[in-house]
mmCIF file of all heavy atoms, coordinates in Angstrom:
data_MODEL
# 
_entry.id   MODEL 
# 
loop_
_atom_site.group_PDB 
_atom_site.id 
_atom_site.type_symbol 
_atom_site.label_atom_id 
_atom_site.label_alt_id 
_atom_site.label_comp_id 
_atom_site.label_asym_id 
_atom_site.label_entity_id 
_atom_site.label_seq_id 
_atom_site.pdbx_PDB_ins_code 
_atom_site.Cartn_x 
_atom_site.Cartn_y 
_atom_site.Cartn_z 
_atom_site.occupancy 
_atom_site.B_iso_or_equiv 
_atom_site.pdbx_formal_charge 
_atom_site.auth_seq_id 
_atom_site.auth_comp_id 
_atom_site.auth_asym_id 
_atom_site.auth_atom_id 
_atom_site.pdbx_PDB_model_num 
ATOM 1   N N   . ALA A 1 1  ? -22.773 -1.377 -75.118 1.00 0.00 ? 1  ALA A N   1 
ATOM 2   C CA  . ALA A 1 1  ? -23.395 -1.486 -76.441 1.00 0.00 ? 1  ALA A CA  1 
ATOM 3   C C   . ALA A 1 1  ? -24.116 -0.215 -76.897 1.00 0.00 ? 1  ALA A C   1 
ATOM 4   O O   . ALA A 1 1  ? -23.964 0.200  -78.055 1.00 0.00 ? 1  ALA A O   1 
ATOM 5   C CB  . ALA A 1 1  ? -24.342 -2.684 -76.478 1.00 0.00 ? 1  ALA A CB  1 
ATOM 6   N N   . PRO A 1 2  ? -24.911 0.462  -76.042 1.00 0.00 ? 2  PRO A N   1 
ATOM 7   C CA  . PRO A 1 2  ? -25.598 1.660  -76.517 1.00 0.00 ? 2  PRO A CA  1 
ATOM 8   C C   . PRO A 1 2  ? -24.683 2.877  -76.700 1.00 0.00 ? 2  PRO A C   1 
ATOM 9   O O   . PRO A 1 2  ? -25.095 3.869  -77.304 1.00 0.00 ? 2  PRO A O   1 
ATOM 10  C CB  . PRO A 1 2  ? -26.632 1.942  -75.406 1.00 0.00 ? 2  PRO A CB  1 
ATOM 11  C CG  . PRO A 1 2  ? -26.683 0.717  -74.566 1.00 0.00 ? 2  PRO A CG  1 
ATOM 12  C CD  . PRO A 1 2  ? -25.331 0.103  -74.672 1.00 0.00 ? 2  PRO A CD  1 
ATOM 13  N N   . ILE A 1 3  ? -23.465 2.799  -76.161 1.00 0.00 ? 3  ILE A N   1 
ATOM 14  C CA  . ILE A 1 3  ? -22.579 3.958  -76.122 1.00 0.00 ? 3  ILE A CA  1 
ATOM 15  C C   . ILE A 1 3  ? -21.516 3.886  -77.206 1.00 0.00 ? 3  ILE A C   1 
ATOM 16  O O   . ILE A 1 3  ? -21.043 4.916  -77.704 1.00 0.00 ? 3  ILE A O   1 
ATOM 17  C CB  . ILE A 1 3  ? -21.906 4.059  -74.735 1.00 0.00 ? 3  ILE A CB  1 
ATOM 18  C CG1 . ILE A 1 3  ? -22.972 4.192  -73.647 1.00 0.00 ? 3  ILE A CG1 1 
ATOM 19  C CG2 . ILE A 1 3  ? -20.943 5.239  -74.665 1.00 0.00 ? 3  ILE A CG2 1 
ATOM 20  C CD1 . ILE A 1 3  ? -22.406 4.111  -72.244 1.00 0.00 ? 3  ILE A CD1 1 
ATOM 21  N N   . THR A 1 4  ? -21.137 2.681  -77.572 1.00 0.00 ? 4  THR A N   1 
ATOM 22  C CA  . THR A 1 4  ? -20.049 2.478  -78.516 1.00 0.00 ? 4  THR A CA  1 
ATOM 23  C C   . THR A 1 4  ? -20.608 2.025  -79.867 1.00 0.00 ? 4  THR A C   1 
ATOM 24  O O   . THR A 1 4  ? -21.796 1.741  -80.009 1.00 0.00 ? 4  THR A O   1 
ATOM 25  C CB  . THR A 1 4  ? -19.062 1.428  -77.984 1.00 0.00 ? 4  THR A CB  1 
ATOM 26  O OG1 . THR A 1 4  ? -19.745 0.179  -77.797 1.00 0.00 ? 4  THR A OG1 1 
ATOM 27  C CG2 . THR A 1 4  ? -18.464 1.884  -76.659 1.00 0.00 ? 4  THR A CG2 1 
ATOM 28  N N   . ASP A 1 5  ? -19.726 1.964  -80.838 1.00 0.00 ? 5  ASP A N   1 
ATOM 29  C CA  . ASP A 1 5  ? -20.080 1.517  -82.184 1.00 0.00 ? 5  ASP A CA  1 
ATOM 30  C C   . ASP A 1 5  ? -19.382 0.189  -82.465 1.00 0.00 ? 5  ASP A C   1 
ATOM 31  O O   . ASP A 1 5  ? -18.282 -0.066 -81.949 1.00 0.00 ? 5  ASP A O   1 
ATOM 32  C CB  . ASP A 1 5  ? -19.646 2.565  -83.213 1.00 0.00 ? 5  ASP A CB  1 
ATOM 33  C CG  . ASP A 1 5  ? -20.067 2.211  -84.620 1.00 0.00 ? 5  ASP A CG  1 
ATOM 34  O OD1 . ASP A 1 5  ? -21.179 2.585  -85.024 1.00 0.00 ? 5  ASP A OD1 1 
ATOM 35  O OD2 . ASP A 1 5  ? -19.275 1.543  -85.322 1.00 0.00 ? 5  ASP A OD2 1 
ATOM 36  N N   . GLU A 1 6  ? -19.997 -0.641 -83.286 1.00 0.00 ? 6  GLU A N   1 
ATOM 37  C CA  . GLU A 1 6  ? -19.420 -1.951 -83.569 1.00 0.00 ? 6  GLU A CA  1 
ATOM 38  C C   . GLU A 1 6  ? -18.067 -1.876 -84.248 1.00 0.00 ? 6  GLU A C   1 
ATOM 39  O O   . GLU A 1 6  ? -17.302 -2.839 -84.247 1.00 0.00 ? 6  GLU A O   1 
ATOM 40  C CB  . GLU A 1 6  ? -20.383 -2.762 -84.428 1.00 0.00 ? 6  GLU A CB  1 
ATOM 41  C CG  . GLU A 1 6  ? -20.656 -2.181 -85.790 1.00 0.00 ? 6  GLU A CG  1 
ATOM 42  C CD  . GLU A 1 6  ? -21.629 -3.004 -86.616 1.00 0.00 ? 6  GLU A CD  1 
ATOM 43  O OE1 . GLU A 1 6  ? -22.200 -3.955 -86.071 1.00 0.00 ? 6  GLU A OE1 1 
ATOM 44  O OE2 . GLU A 1 6  ? -21.802 -2.694 -87.820 1.00 0.00 ? 6  GLU A OE2 1 
ATOM 45  N N   . ASN A 1 7  ? -17.725 -0.731 -84.811 1.00 0.00 ? 7  ASN A N   1 
ATOM 46  C CA  . ASN A 1 7  ? -16.431 -0.559 -85.462 1.00 0.00 ? 7  ASN A CA  1 
ATOM 47  C C   . ASN A 1 7  ? -15.355 -0.012 -84.530 1.00 0.00 ? 7  ASN A C   1 
ATOM 48  O O   . ASN A 1 7  ? -14.198 0.122  -84.938 1.00 0.00 ? 7  ASN A O   1 
ATOM 49  C CB  . ASN A 1 7  ? -16.568 0.368  -86.670 1.00 0.00 ? 7  ASN A CB  1 
ATOM 50  C CG  . ASN A 1 7  ? -17.442 -0.229 -87.759 1.00 0.00 ? 7  ASN A CG  1 
ATOM 51  O OD1 . ASN A 1 7  ? -17.303 -1.399 -88.093 1.00 0.00 ? 7  ASN A OD1 1 
ATOM 52  N ND2 . ASN A 1 7  ? -18.356 0.567  -88.293 1.00 0.00 ? 7  ASN A ND2 1 
ATOM 53  N N   . ASP A 1 8  ? -15.704 0.333  -83.303 1.00 0.00 ? 8  ASP A N   1 
ATOM 54  C CA  . ASP A 1 8  ? -14.734 0.885  -82.356 1.00 0.00 ? 8  ASP A CA  1 
ATOM 55  C C   . ASP A 1 8  ? -13.636 -0.125 -82.042 1.00 0.00 ? 8  ASP A C   1 
ATOM 56  O O   . ASP A 1 8  ? -13.874 -1.338 -81.989 1.00 0.00 ? 8  ASP A O   1 
ATOM 57  C CB  . ASP A 1 8  ? -15.418 1.275  -81.043 1.00 0.00 ? 8  ASP A CB  1 
ATOM 58  C CG  . ASP A 1 8  ? -16.283 2.512  -81.154 1.00 0.00 ? 8  ASP A CG  1 
ATOM 59  O OD1 . ASP A 1 8  ? -16.382 3.088  -82.254 1.00 0.00 ? 8  ASP A OD1 1 
ATOM 60  O OD2 . ASP A 1 8  ? -16.864 2.903  -80.122 1.00 0.00 ? 8  ASP A OD2 1 
ATOM 61  N N   . TRP A 1 9  ? -12.444 0.385  -81.783 1.00 0.00 ? 9  TRP A N   1 
ATOM 62  C CA  . TRP A 1 9  ? -11.359 -0.421 -81.235 1.00 0.00 ? 9  TRP A CA  1 
ATOM 63  C C   . TRP A 1 9  ? -11.389 -0.262 -79.719 1.00 0.00 ? 9  TRP A C   1 
ATOM 64  O O   . TRP A 1 9  ? -11.704 0.815  -79.193 1.00 0.00 ? 9  TRP A O   1 
ATOM 65  C CB  . TRP A 1 9  ? -10.015 0.041  -81.777 1.00 0.00 ? 9  TRP A CB  1 
ATOM 66  C CG  . TRP A 1 9  ? -9.864  -0.137 -83.253 1.00 0.00 ? 9  TRP A CG  1 
ATOM 67  C CD1 . TRP A 1 9  ? -10.772 -0.663 -84.131 1.00 0.00 ? 9  TRP A CD1 1 
ATOM 68  C CD2 . TRP A 1 9  ? -8.718  0.212  -84.032 1.00 0.00 ? 9  TRP A CD2 1 
ATOM 69  N NE1 . TRP A 1 9  ? -10.278 -0.664 -85.399 1.00 0.00 ? 9  TRP A NE1 1 
ATOM 70  C CE2 . TRP A 1 9  ? -9.011  -0.124 -85.382 1.00 0.00 ? 9  TRP A CE2 1 
ATOM 71  C CE3 . TRP A 1 9  ? -7.483  0.784  -83.736 1.00 0.00 ? 9  TRP A CE3 1 
ATOM 72  C CZ2 . TRP A 1 9  ? -8.106  0.085  -86.415 1.00 0.00 ? 9  TRP A CZ2 1 
ATOM 73  C CZ3 . TRP A 1 9  ? -6.582  0.997  -84.765 1.00 0.00 ? 9  TRP A CZ3 1 
ATOM 74  C CH2 . TRP A 1 9  ? -6.884  0.643  -86.084 1.00 0.00 ? 9  TRP A CH2 1 
ATOM 75  N N   . TYR A 1 10 ? -11.040 -1.336 -79.019 1.00 0.00 ? 10 TYR A N   1 
ATOM 76  C CA  . TYR A 1 10 ? -11.196 -1.387 -77.564 1.00 0.00 ? 10 TYR A CA  1 
ATOM 77  C C   . TYR A 1 10 ? -9.839  -1.564 -76.884 1.00 0.00 ? 10 TYR A C   1 
ATOM 78  O O   . TYR A 1 10 ? -9.119  -2.532 -77.158 1.00 0.00 ? 10 TYR A O   1 
ATOM 79  C CB  . TYR A 1 10 ? -12.126 -2.542 -77.203 1.00 0.00 ? 10 TYR A CB  1 
ATOM 80  C CG  . TYR A 1 10 ? -12.278 -2.830 -75.735 1.00 0.00 ? 10 TYR A CG  1 
ATOM 81  C CD1 . TYR A 1 10 ? -12.617 -1.831 -74.826 1.00 0.00 ? 10 TYR A CD1 1 
ATOM 82  C CD2 . TYR A 1 10 ? -12.100 -4.129 -75.253 1.00 0.00 ? 10 TYR A CD2 1 
ATOM 83  C CE1 . TYR A 1 10 ? -12.762 -2.113 -73.483 1.00 0.00 ? 10 TYR A CE1 1 
ATOM 84  C CE2 . TYR A 1 10 ? -12.248 -4.424 -73.911 1.00 0.00 ? 10 TYR A CE2 1 
ATOM 85  C CZ  . TYR A 1 10 ? -12.589 -3.406 -73.026 1.00 0.00 ? 10 TYR A CZ  1 
ATOM 86  O OH  . TYR A 1 10 ? -12.736 -3.679 -71.694 1.00 0.00 ? 10 TYR A OH  1 
ATOM 87  N N   . LEU A 1 11 ? -9.490  -0.629 -76.026 1.00 0.00 ? 11 LEU A N   1 
ATOM 88  C CA  . LEU A 1 11 ? -8.280  -0.740 -75.216 1.00 0.00 ? 11 LEU A CA  1 
ATOM 89  C C   . LEU A 1 11 ? -8.615  -1.594 -73.998 1.00 0.00 ? 11 LEU A C   1 
ATOM 90  O O   . LEU A 1 11 ? -9.198  -1.120 -73.038 1.00 0.00 ? 11 LEU A O   1 
ATOM 91  C CB  . LEU A 1 11 ? -7.784  0.644  -74.795 1.00 0.00 ? 11 LEU A CB  1 
ATOM 92  C CG  . LEU A 1 11 ? -6.585  0.684  -73.846 1.00 0.00 ? 11 LEU A CG  1 
ATOM 93  C CD1 . LEU A 1 11 ? -5.392  -0.074 -74.407 1.00 0.00 ? 11 LEU A CD1 1 
ATOM 94  C CD2 . LEU A 1 11 ? -6.213  2.129  -73.526 1.00 0.00 ? 11 LEU A CD2 1 
ATOM 95  N N   . SER A 1 12 ? -8.273  -2.874 -74.062 1.00 0.00 ? 12 SER A N   1 
ATOM 96  C CA  . SER A 1 12 ? -8.688  -3.789 -73.001 1.00 0.00 ? 12 SER A CA  1 
ATOM 97  C C   . SER A 1 12 ? -7.724  -3.804 -71.823 1.00 0.00 ? 12 SER A C   1 
ATOM 98  O O   . SER A 1 12 ? -8.141  -4.016 -70.677 1.00 0.00 ? 12 SER A O   1 
ATOM 99  C CB  . SER A 1 12 ? -8.856  -5.208 -73.550 1.00 0.00 ? 12 SER A CB  1 
ATOM 100 O OG  . SER A 1 12 ? -7.633  -5.716 -74.044 1.00 0.00 ? 12 SER A OG  1 
ATOM 101 N N   . ILE A 1 13 ? -6.432  -3.616 -72.085 1.00 0.00 ? 13 ILE A N   1 
ATOM 102 C CA  . ILE A 1 13 ? -5.433  -3.646 -71.009 1.00 0.00 ? 13 ILE A CA  1 
ATOM 103 C C   . ILE A 1 13 ? -4.379  -2.586 -71.285 1.00 0.00 ? 13 ILE A C   1 
ATOM 104 O O   . ILE A 1 13 ? -3.884  -2.472 -72.407 1.00 0.00 ? 13 ILE A O   1 
ATOM 105 C CB  . ILE A 1 13 ? -4.743  -5.021 -70.908 1.00 0.00 ? 13 ILE A CB  1 
ATOM 106 C CG1 . ILE A 1 13 ? -5.745  -6.136 -70.631 1.00 0.00 ? 13 ILE A CG1 1 
ATOM 107 C CG2 . ILE A 1 13 ? -3.675  -5.005 -69.812 1.00 0.00 ? 13 ILE A CG2 1 
ATOM 108 C CD1 . ILE A 1 13 ? -5.130  -7.540 -70.639 1.00 0.00 ? 13 ILE A CD1 1 
ATOM 109 N N   . LEU A 1 14 ? -4.047  -1.828 -70.262 1.00 0.00 ? 14 LEU A N   1 
ATOM 110 C CA  . LEU A 1 14 ? -2.902  -0.928 -70.309 1.00 0.00 ? 14 LEU A CA  1 
ATOM 111 C C   . LEU A 1 14 ? -2.213  -0.990 -68.959 1.00 0.00 ? 14 LEU A C   1 
ATOM 112 O O   . LEU A 1 14 ? -2.844  -0.774 -67.918 1.00 0.00 ? 14 LEU A O   1 
ATOM 113 C CB  . LEU A 1 14 ? -3.330  0.508  -70.602 1.00 0.00 ? 14 LEU A CB  1 
ATOM 114 C CG  . LEU A 1 14 ? -2.222  1.568  -70.504 1.00 0.00 ? 14 LEU A CG  1 
ATOM 115 C CD1 . LEU A 1 14 ? -1.123  1.311  -71.519 1.00 0.00 ? 14 LEU A CD1 1 
ATOM 116 C CD2 . LEU A 1 14 ? -2.801  2.976  -70.675 1.00 0.00 ? 14 LEU A CD2 1 
ATOM 117 N N   . GLY A 1 15 ? -0.947  -1.329 -68.969 1.00 0.00 ? 15 GLY A N   1 
ATOM 118 C CA  . GLY A 1 15 ? -0.223  -1.405 -67.711 1.00 0.00 ? 15 GLY A CA  1 
ATOM 119 C C   . GLY A 1 15 ? 1.264   -1.181 -67.905 1.00 0.00 ? 15 GLY A C   1 
ATOM 120 O O   . GLY A 1 15 ? 1.818   -1.511 -68.953 1.00 0.00 ? 15 GLY A O   1 
ATOM 121 N N   . LEU A 1 16 ? 1.884   -0.629 -66.897 1.00 0.00 ? 16 LEU A N   1 
ATOM 122 C CA  . LEU A 1 16 ? 3.315   -0.333 -66.900 1.00 0.00 ? 16 LEU A CA  1 
ATOM 123 C C   . LEU A 1 16 ? 3.865   -0.699 -65.537 1.00 0.00 ? 16 LEU A C   1 
ATOM 124 O O   . LEU A 1 16 ? 3.221   -0.438 -64.508 1.00 0.00 ? 16 LEU A O   1 
ATOM 125 C CB  . LEU A 1 16 ? 3.536   1.149  -67.178 1.00 0.00 ? 16 LEU A CB  1 
ATOM 126 C CG  . LEU A 1 16 ? 4.964   1.647  -67.356 1.00 0.00 ? 16 LEU A CG  1 
ATOM 127 C CD1 . LEU A 1 16 ? 5.586   1.068  -68.619 1.00 0.00 ? 16 LEU A CD1 1 
ATOM 128 C CD2 . LEU A 1 16 ? 4.992   3.176  -67.418 1.00 0.00 ? 16 LEU A CD2 1 
ATOM 129 N N   . ALA A 1 17 ? 5.020   -1.319 -65.518 1.00 0.00 ? 17 ALA A N   1 
ATOM 130 C CA  . ALA A 1 17 ? 5.639   -1.697 -64.248 1.00 0.00 ? 17 ALA A CA  1 
ATOM 131 C C   . ALA A 1 17 ? 5.615   -0.514 -63.280 1.00 0.00 ? 17 ALA A C   1 
ATOM 132 O O   . ALA A 1 17 ? 5.952   0.613  -63.672 1.00 0.00 ? 17 ALA A O   1 
ATOM 133 C CB  . ALA A 1 17 ? 7.069   -2.155 -64.482 1.00 0.00 ? 17 ALA A CB  1 
ATOM 134 N N   . PRO A 1 18 ? 5.193   -0.715 -62.029 1.00 0.00 ? 18 PRO A N   1 
ATOM 135 C CA  . PRO A 1 18 ? 5.027   0.410  -61.101 1.00 0.00 ? 18 PRO A CA  1 
ATOM 136 C C   . PRO A 1 18 ? 6.243   1.306  -60.986 1.00 0.00 ? 18 PRO A C   1 
ATOM 137 O O   . PRO A 1 18 ? 6.109   2.531  -60.877 1.00 0.00 ? 18 PRO A O   1 
ATOM 138 C CB  . PRO A 1 18 ? 4.701   -0.294 -59.777 1.00 0.00 ? 18 PRO A CB  1 
ATOM 139 C CG  . PRO A 1 18 ? 4.018   -1.548 -60.189 1.00 0.00 ? 18 PRO A CG  1 
ATOM 140 C CD  . PRO A 1 18 ? 4.728   -1.991 -61.448 1.00 0.00 ? 18 PRO A CD  1 
ATOM 141 N N   . GLU A 1 19 ? 7.431   0.726  -61.033 1.00 0.00 ? 19 GLU A N   1 
ATOM 142 C CA  . GLU A 1 19 ? 8.634   1.547  -60.879 1.00 0.00 ? 19 GLU A CA  1 
ATOM 143 C C   . GLU A 1 19 ? 8.892   2.428  -62.097 1.00 0.00 ? 19 GLU A C   1 
ATOM 144 O O   . GLU A 1 19 ? 9.716   3.343  -62.040 1.00 0.00 ? 19 GLU A O   1 
ATOM 145 C CB  . GLU A 1 19 ? 9.855   0.661  -60.599 1.00 0.00 ? 19 GLU A CB  1 
ATOM 146 C CG  . GLU A 1 19 ? 10.245  -0.256 -61.737 1.00 0.00 ? 19 GLU A CG  1 
ATOM 147 C CD  . GLU A 1 19 ? 9.534   -1.607 -61.695 1.00 0.00 ? 19 GLU A CD  1 
ATOM 148 O OE1 . GLU A 1 19 ? 8.511   -1.726 -60.984 1.00 0.00 ? 19 GLU A OE1 1 
ATOM 149 O OE2 . GLU A 1 19 ? 10.014  -2.538 -62.371 1.00 0.00 ? 19 GLU A OE2 1 
ATOM 150 N N   . CYS A 1 20 ? 8.197   2.167  -63.192 1.00 0.00 ? 20 CYS A N   1 
ATOM 151 C CA  . CYS A 1 20 ? 8.378   2.956  -64.413 1.00 0.00 ? 20 CYS A CA  1 
ATOM 152 C C   . CYS A 1 20 ? 7.269   3.971  -64.628 1.00 0.00 ? 20 CYS A C   1 
ATOM 153 O O   . CYS A 1 20 ? 7.302   4.722  -65.616 1.00 0.00 ? 20 CYS A O   1 
ATOM 154 C CB  . CYS A 1 20 ? 8.453   2.027  -65.624 1.00 0.00 ? 20 CYS A CB  1 
ATOM 155 S SG  . CYS A 1 20 ? 9.808   0.844  -65.562 1.00 0.00 ? 20 CYS A SG  1 
ATOM 156 N N   . GLN A 1 21 ? 6.303   4.006  -63.746 1.00 0.00 ? 21 GLN A N   1 
ATOM 157 C CA  . GLN A 1 21 ? 5.178   4.906  -63.923 1.00 0.00 ? 21 GLN A CA  1 
ATOM 158 C C   . GLN A 1 21 ? 5.563   6.339  -63.590 1.00 0.00 ? 21 GLN A C   1 
ATOM 159 O O   . GLN A 1 21 ? 6.540   6.600  -62.882 1.00 0.00 ? 21 GLN A O   1 
ATOM 160 C CB  . GLN A 1 21 ? 4.009   4.449  -63.045 1.00 0.00 ? 21 GLN A CB  1 
ATOM 161 C CG  . GLN A 1 21 ? 3.434   3.106  -63.477 1.00 0.00 ? 21 GLN A CG  1 
ATOM 162 C CD  . GLN A 1 21 ? 2.365   2.585  -62.543 1.00 0.00 ? 21 GLN A CD  1 
ATOM 163 O OE1 . GLN A 1 21 ? 1.882   3.286  -61.669 1.00 0.00 ? 21 GLN A OE1 1 
ATOM 164 N NE2 . GLN A 1 21 ? 1.972   1.330  -62.729 1.00 0.00 ? 21 GLN A NE2 1 
ATOM 165 N N   . GLY A 1 22 ? 4.818   7.285  -64.133 1.00 0.00 ? 22 GLY A N   1 
ATOM 166 C CA  . GLY A 1 22 ? 5.063   8.688  -63.866 1.00 0.00 ? 22 GLY A CA  1 
ATOM 167 C C   . GLY A 1 22 ? 6.172   9.303  -64.691 1.00 0.00 ? 22 GLY A C   1 
ATOM 168 O O   . GLY A 1 22 ? 6.629   10.407 -64.392 1.00 0.00 ? 22 GLY A O   1 
ATOM 169 N N   . ARG A 1 23 ? 6.595   8.615  -65.755 1.00 0.00 ? 23 ARG A N   1 
ATOM 170 C CA  . ARG A 1 23 ? 7.695   9.117  -66.592 1.00 0.00 ? 23 ARG A CA  1 
ATOM 171 C C   . ARG A 1 23 ? 7.254   9.366  -68.030 1.00 0.00 ? 23 ARG A C   1 
ATOM 172 O O   . ARG A 1 23 ? 8.087   9.565  -68.912 1.00 0.00 ? 23 ARG A O   1 
ATOM 173 C CB  . ARG A 1 23 ? 8.851   8.110  -66.566 1.00 0.00 ? 23 ARG A CB  1 
ATOM 174 C CG  . ARG A 1 23 ? 9.533   8.020  -65.197 1.00 0.00 ? 23 ARG A CG  1 
ATOM 175 C CD  . ARG A 1 23 ? 10.267  6.719  -64.942 1.00 0.00 ? 23 ARG A CD  1 
ATOM 176 N NE  . ARG A 1 23 ? 11.084  6.267  -66.058 1.00 0.00 ? 23 ARG A NE  1 
ATOM 177 C CZ  . ARG A 1 23 ? 11.727  5.091  -66.072 1.00 0.00 ? 23 ARG A CZ  1 
ATOM 178 N NH1 . ARG A 1 23 ? 11.625  4.271  -65.048 1.00 0.00 ? 23 ARG A NH1 1 
ATOM 179 N NH2 . ARG A 1 23 ? 12.451  4.745  -67.121 1.00 0.00 ? 23 ARG A NH2 1 
ATOM 180 N N   . GLY A 1 24 ? 5.954   9.345  -68.269 1.00 0.00 ? 24 GLY A N   1 
ATOM 181 C CA  . GLY A 1 24 ? 5.443   9.605  -69.608 1.00 0.00 ? 24 GLY A CA  1 
ATOM 182 C C   . GLY A 1 24 ? 5.504   8.419  -70.544 1.00 0.00 ? 24 GLY A C   1 
ATOM 183 O O   . GLY A 1 24 ? 5.200   8.547  -71.732 1.00 0.00 ? 24 GLY A O   1 
ATOM 184 N N   . ILE A 1 25 ? 5.867   7.255  -70.026 1.00 0.00 ? 25 ILE A N   1 
ATOM 185 C CA  . ILE A 1 25 ? 6.017   6.076  -70.873 1.00 0.00 ? 25 ILE A CA  1 
ATOM 186 C C   . ILE A 1 25 ? 4.661   5.534  -71.299 1.00 0.00 ? 25 ILE A C   1 
ATOM 187 O O   . ILE A 1 25 ? 4.485   5.033  -72.407 1.00 0.00 ? 25 ILE A O   1 
ATOM 188 C CB  . ILE A 1 25 ? 6.840   4.999  -70.147 1.00 0.00 ? 25 ILE A CB  1 
ATOM 189 C CG1 . ILE A 1 25 ? 8.234   5.540  -69.817 1.00 0.00 ? 25 ILE A CG1 1 
ATOM 190 C CG2 . ILE A 1 25 ? 6.945   3.731  -70.980 1.00 0.00 ? 25 ILE A CG2 1 
ATOM 191 C CD1 . ILE A 1 25 ? 9.034   4.667  -68.869 1.00 0.00 ? 25 ILE A CD1 1 
ATOM 192 N N   . GLY A 1 26 ? 3.683   5.655  -70.412 1.00 0.00 ? 26 GLY A N   1 
ATOM 193 C CA  . GLY A 1 26 ? 2.359   5.128  -70.707 1.00 0.00 ? 26 GLY A CA  1 
ATOM 194 C C   . GLY A 1 26 ? 1.751   5.720  -71.960 1.00 0.00 ? 26 GLY A C   1 
ATOM 195 O O   . GLY A 1 26 ? 1.095   5.020  -72.749 1.00 0.00 ? 26 GLY A O   1 
# 
């Protein structure tokens, strides 16, 4: 709360299948 603003958008989840990681897809 003290760091963010009430208008901020929040990235709650980011995930990519492990076999697809490291290829710039994220």
